[in-house]
Amino acid sequence: MKTSEVKAIITGGASGLGEATVRRIVEKGGKAAIFDLNSEKAAKLIEELGEDSVWYAETDVTDAAQVEQQTTAVIERFGSVNLVVNCAGVGTPGKVVSKGEPQPLEQFEKVIRINLIGSFNVLRVAAAAMQRNEPNDNGERGVIISTASVAAYEGQIGQAAYSASKGGIVSMTLPIAREFARDGIRVMAIAPGLMKTPMFDGLPEAAIASLESAVPFPARLGRPDEYAQLVESIVENPMLNGETIRLDGAIRMQPK
């Protein structure tokens, strides 16, 4: 699939990895619909990139009916959907037991619901729509990419919920890819390491420098555009399917 032919749904597309992916798709001639709750940032992105190429649908990815409704709206606007990139997520930390008190269950549930169930919710609706697409010359009808994390493999103390949610992304990628193989829909995941996203904006320079020194090479935080570059590579390489690709500069996270 050519990026110029992409008609995408990008969750969390108003900022961070999602925003970089929207920019990359539009730069290459494709179209992108942003599923996000940050209307202000989405509006600025549309103003910059053009409403012909970018559309915003205020969407809670955990709401089944809302995702179904907004996906239908995207198809009405673009004619079809052939790419989904799931970037919406939260990284709320919390120890299982802190100062003798168990972690509130709702904190764990929230992270799982947004990161894992939200990704599956968008994936399931979009995949059903992709099955109705006409296949291209390679027999492809669509590509689905979800965002995991190196925390799926080396979760740190306080990341039980986050690691569980991202581990779920990794674990469901292959069985879903196998299910949709006959439809010509590829399913992939990306597991970023330390990426320079808005969650790092409030950290002092010394803390960022310490994090960067933990990355073997290149010894810095990853850039969102490097995530978007990998999305483009996955879209354009038809043999990439059923796999999670680490994007991490060879980092292996320590316990804390």
Protein backbone atom coordinates (compact mmCIF):
# COMPACT_ATOMS: atom_id res chain seq x y z
CA MET A 1 0.00 0.00 0.00
CA LYS A 2 1.26 3.47 -0.84
CA THR A 3 1.11 6.13 1.86
CA SER A 4 -0.34 8.51 -0.71
CA GLU A 5 -3.38 6.19 -0.93
CA VAL A 6 -3.94 6.09 2.82
CA LYS A 7 -7.27 7.04 4.38
CA ALA A 8 -6.51 6.67 8.03
CA ILE A 9 -7.98 6.78 11.50
CA ILE A 10 -5.36 7.91 14.00
CA THR A 11 -6.37 7.65 17.66
CA GLY A 12 -4.61 10.12 19.91
CA GLY A 13 -3.81 11.99 16.71
CA ALA A 14 -3.84 15.49 18.20
CA SER A 15 -0.48 15.18 19.96
CA GLY A 16 2.66 13.11 20.40
CA LEU A 17 3.13 9.98 18.32
CA GLY A 18 -0.34 10.31 16.80
CA GLU A 19 0.24 13.89 15.69
CA ALA A 20 3.54 12.96 14.06
CA THR A 21 1.78 10.14 12.22
CA VAL A 22 -0.94 12.49 10.96
CA ARG A 23 1.72 14.89 9.71
CA ARG A 24 3.61 12.12 7.93
CA ILE A 25 0.52 10.78 6.19
CA VAL A 26 -0.56 14.20 4.97
CA GLU A 27 2.99 15.05 3.87
CA LYS A 28 2.96 11.93 1.69
CA GLY A 29 -0.41 12.75 0.15
CA GLY A 30 -2.77 10.68 2.31
CA LYS A 31 -5.74 11.66 4.47
CA ALA A 32 -6.18 11.25 8.22
CA ALA A 33 -9.08 11.39 10.65
CA ILE A 34 -8.14 12.19 14.25
CA PHE A 35 -9.96 10.32 17.02
CA ASP A 36 -9.12 12.30 20.15
CA LEU A 37 -10.65 14.31 22.96
CA ASN A 38 -8.37 17.34 22.57
CA SER A 39 -10.36 19.51 20.18
CA GLU A 40 -8.08 22.55 20.65
CA LYS A 41 -4.93 20.79 19.50
CA ALA A 42 -6.78 19.02 16.71
CA ALA A 43 -8.12 22.34 15.43
CA LYS A 44 -4.61 23.80 15.26
CA LEU A 45 -3.40 20.77 13.34
CA ILE A 46 -6.25 21.02 10.85
CA GLU A 47 -5.60 24.74 10.39
CA GLU A 48 -1.96 24.00 9.63
CA LEU A 49 -2.37 20.92 7.41
CA GLY A 50 -5.69 21.70 5.73
CA GLU A 51 -9.22 20.45 6.23
CA ASP A 52 -9.12 18.60 2.91
CA SER A 53 -6.53 16.22 4.34
CA VAL A 54 -7.30 16.15 8.07
CA TRP A 55 -10.60 15.72 9.86
CA TYR A 56 -11.33 15.63 13.57
CA ALA A 57 -13.92 13.47 15.29
CA GLU A 58 -14.18 13.96 19.04
CA THR A 59 -14.04 10.35 20.18
CA ASP A 60 -13.69 8.40 23.40
CA VAL A 61 -11.98 5.23 22.18
CA THR A 62 -13.53 3.22 25.02
CA ASP A 63 -17.08 4.02 23.88
CA ALA A 64 -18.28 1.30 21.49
CA ALA A 65 -21.23 3.20 20.02
CA GLN A 66 -19.23 6.40 19.58
CA VAL A 67 -16.39 4.62 17.75
CA GLU A 68 -18.88 2.91 15.45
CA GLN A 69 -20.63 6.21 14.71
CA GLN A 70 -17.43 8.15 14.08
CA THR A 71 -15.95 5.42 11.89
CA THR A 72 -19.05 5.58 9.72
CA ALA A 73 -18.61 9.36 9.53
CA VAL A 74 -14.98 8.96 8.41
CA ILE A 75 -16.02 6.57 5.63
CA GLU A 76 -18.68 9.02 4.48
CA ARG A 77 -16.06 11.76 4.34
CA PHE A 78 -13.11 9.85 2.83
CA GLY A 79 -14.95 7.08 0.97
CA SER A 80 -13.21 4.31 2.91
CA VAL A 81 -10.72 3.55 5.67
CA ASN A 82 -7.62 1.47 4.92
CA LEU A 83 -5.32 2.33 7.84
CA VAL A 84 -5.74 2.50 11.60
CA VAL A 85 -2.96 3.63 13.93
CA ASN A 86 -3.82 3.31 17.62
CA CYS A 87 -1.84 5.91 19.58
CA ALA A 88 -4.37 6.89 22.25
CA GLY A 89 -3.19 5.88 25.69
CA VAL A 90 -2.30 6.83 29.25
CA GLY A 91 0.69 5.93 31.37
CA THR A 92 -0.67 6.46 34.87
CA PRO A 93 1.85 4.90 37.30
CA GLY A 94 0.99 3.22 40.57
CA LYS A 95 2.41 0.55 42.85
CA VAL A 96 0.24 -2.48 43.56
CA VAL A 97 0.65 -1.74 47.27
CA SER A 98 1.76 1.69 48.49
CA LYS A 99 2.33 2.48 52.17
CA GLY A 100 0.44 -0.66 53.10
CA GLU A 101 -2.62 0.19 51.01
CA PRO A 102 -3.63 -1.71 47.84
CA GLN A 103 -3.86 0.24 44.63
CA PRO A 104 -7.44 1.34 43.91
CA LEU A 105 -8.81 -1.12 41.38
CA GLU A 106 -10.29 1.67 39.27
CA GLN A 107 -6.78 2.99 38.53
CA PHE A 108 -5.75 -0.36 37.05
CA GLU A 109 -9.03 -0.67 35.17
CA LYS A 110 -8.71 2.81 33.63
CA VAL A 111 -5.31 2.10 32.10
CA ILE A 112 -6.43 -1.27 30.73
CA ARG A 113 -9.64 0.23 29.39
CA ILE A 114 -8.01 3.08 27.49
CA ASN A 115 -4.81 1.45 26.29
CA LEU A 116 -5.95 -2.10 25.52
CA ILE A 117 -9.72 -2.16 25.26
CA GLY A 118 -9.74 1.21 23.49
CA SER A 119 -7.28 -0.05 20.89
CA PHE A 120 -9.30 -3.22 20.35
CA ASN A 121 -12.53 -1.22 20.14
CA VAL A 122 -11.27 0.91 17.25
CA LEU A 123 -9.55 -2.05 15.62
CA ARG A 124 -12.65 -4.25 15.56
CA VAL A 125 -14.85 -1.57 13.98
CA ALA A 126 -12.29 -0.48 11.42
CA ALA A 127 -11.45 -4.06 10.43
CA ALA A 128 -15.10 -4.75 9.63
CA ALA A 129 -15.09 -1.67 7.39
CA MET A 130 -11.81 -2.68 5.73
CA GLN A 131 -13.25 -6.07 4.79
CA ARG A 132 -15.56 -4.20 2.40
CA ASN A 133 -12.67 -2.43 0.63
CA GLU A 134 -11.63 -3.43 -2.86
CA PRO A 135 -8.21 -5.10 -2.66
CA ASN A 136 -5.23 -3.38 -4.27
CA ASP A 137 -2.83 -5.08 -6.68
CA ASN A 138 -1.20 -6.95 -3.77
CA GLY A 139 -4.56 -8.13 -2.45
CA GLU A 140 -4.42 -5.72 0.48
CA ARG A 141 -7.53 -4.15 1.95
CA GLY A 142 -6.00 -2.43 4.95
CA VAL A 143 -3.36 -2.14 7.66
CA ILE A 144 -3.85 -1.90 11.43
CA ILE A 145 -1.03 -0.72 13.71
CA SER A 146 -1.34 -0.52 17.48
CA THR A 147 1.10 1.03 19.92
CA ALA A 148 2.64 -1.28 22.50
CA SER A 149 5.72 -0.34 24.56
CA VAL A 150 9.01 -1.79 25.74
CA ALA A 151 7.17 -1.93 29.08
CA ALA A 152 5.36 -4.94 27.65
CA TYR A 153 8.67 -6.79 28.06
CA GLU A 154 10.55 -4.90 30.80
CA GLY A 155 7.94 -3.20 32.92
CA GLN A 156 9.28 -1.15 35.80
CA ILE A 157 8.04 -0.95 39.37
CA GLY A 158 4.79 1.00 39.30
CA GLN A 159 3.95 -0.05 35.74
CA ALA A 160 1.84 -3.13 36.42
CA ALA A 161 -1.25 -1.68 34.72
CA TYR A 162 0.67 -0.04 31.87
CA SER A 163 2.75 -3.15 31.20
CA ALA A 164 -0.35 -5.36 31.28
CA SER A 165 -2.12 -3.11 28.78
CA LYS A 166 0.85 -3.02 26.41
CA GLY A 167 1.50 -6.72 26.84
CA GLY A 168 -2.08 -7.26 25.73
CA ILE A 169 -1.38 -5.27 22.57
CA VAL A 170 1.61 -7.49 21.80
CA SER A 171 -0.26 -10.71 22.54
CA MET A 172 -3.31 -9.95 20.41
CA THR A 173 -1.36 -8.83 17.33
CA LEU A 174 -0.56 -12.27 15.91
CA PRO A 175 -3.95 -13.94 16.40
CA ILE A 176 -5.73 -10.96 14.85
CA ALA A 177 -3.27 -10.92 11.94
CA ARG A 178 -3.99 -14.60 11.37
CA GLU A 179 -7.74 -14.00 11.46
CA PHE A 180 -7.63 -11.19 8.90
CA ALA A 181 -5.01 -12.76 6.60
CA ARG A 182 -7.68 -14.07 4.24
CA ASP A 183 -9.13 -10.55 3.99
CA GLY A 184 -5.80 -8.97 3.02
CA ILE A 185 -5.67 -6.91 6.24
CA ARG A 186 -2.27 -6.75 7.93
CA VAL A 187 -2.00 -6.26 11.70
CA MET A 188 1.14 -4.94 13.37
CA ALA A 189 2.30 -3.28 16.58
CA ILE A 190 5.12 -0.89 17.44
CA ALA A 191 6.79 -1.00 20.86
CA PRO A 192 8.46 2.38 21.43
CA GLY A 193 11.10 2.96 24.06
CA LEU A 194 11.69 6.40 25.54
CA MET A 195 10.07 8.85 23.12
CA LYS A 196 10.00 12.64 23.36
CA THR A 197 6.26 13.04 23.76
CA PRO A 198 4.28 15.60 25.84
CA MET A 199 4.60 13.42 28.97
CA PHE A 200 8.26 14.50 29.16
CA ASP A 201 7.54 18.22 28.80
CA GLY A 202 7.46 18.89 32.55
CA LEU A 203 10.69 17.07 33.39
CA PRO A 204 13.84 19.07 34.23
CA GLU A 205 16.75 18.90 31.79
CA ALA A 206 18.82 16.84 34.23
CA ALA A 207 16.15 14.16 34.42
CA ILE A 208 15.84 14.02 30.63
CA ALA A 209 19.63 13.76 30.29
CA SER A 210 19.63 10.85 32.73
CA LEU A 211 16.96 9.05 30.71
CA GLU A 212 18.81 9.68 27.46
CA SER A 213 22.02 8.21 28.87
CA ALA A 214 20.20 4.90 29.41
CA VAL A 215 19.67 4.48 25.66
CA PRO A 216 22.66 2.64 24.10
CA PHE A 217 22.45 4.25 20.64
CA PRO A 218 21.44 6.79 19.70
CA ALA A 219 21.81 8.09 23.28
CA ARG A 220 18.74 10.30 23.25
CA LEU A 221 14.97 10.16 23.42
CA GLY A 222 13.27 8.91 20.29
CA ARG A 223 11.48 11.46 18.14
CA PRO A 224 7.79 11.12 17.30
CA ASP A 225 8.63 11.46 13.61
CA GLU A 226 10.74 8.31 13.90
CA TYR A 227 7.62 6.49 15.05
CA ALA A 228 5.74 7.96 12.09
CA GLN A 229 8.54 6.89 9.78
CA LEU A 230 8.13 3.31 10.98
CA VAL A 231 4.37 3.54 10.42
CA GLU A 232 5.09 4.53 6.82
CA SER A 233 7.51 1.62 6.40
CA ILE A 234 4.93 -0.84 7.72
CA VAL A 235 2.26 0.56 5.42
CA GLU A 236 4.48 0.25 2.35
CA ASN A 237 6.08 -3.14 3.07
CA PRO A 238 3.49 -5.90 2.47
CA MET A 239 5.57 -8.60 4.19
CA LEU A 240 5.32 -6.90 7.58
CA ASN A 241 2.47 -8.67 9.34
CA GLY A 242 1.67 -10.20 12.72
CA GLU A 243 4.71 -8.75 14.48
CA THR A 244 5.64 -6.18 17.13
CA ILE A 245 8.65 -4.03 16.23
CA ARG A 246 10.69 -2.44 19.01
CA LEU A 247 11.67 1.17 18.36
CA ASP A 248 13.98 1.80 21.28
CA GLY A 249 17.68 2.37 20.50
CA ALA A 250 18.44 -1.03 22.11
CA ILE A 251 17.32 0.07 25.59
CA ARG A 252 16.35 -2.57 28.13
CA MET A 253 14.51 -0.98 31.04
CA GLN A 254 15.77 -1.47 34.60
CA PRO A 255 13.45 -2.34 37.51
CA LYS A 256 13.09 1.34 38.44
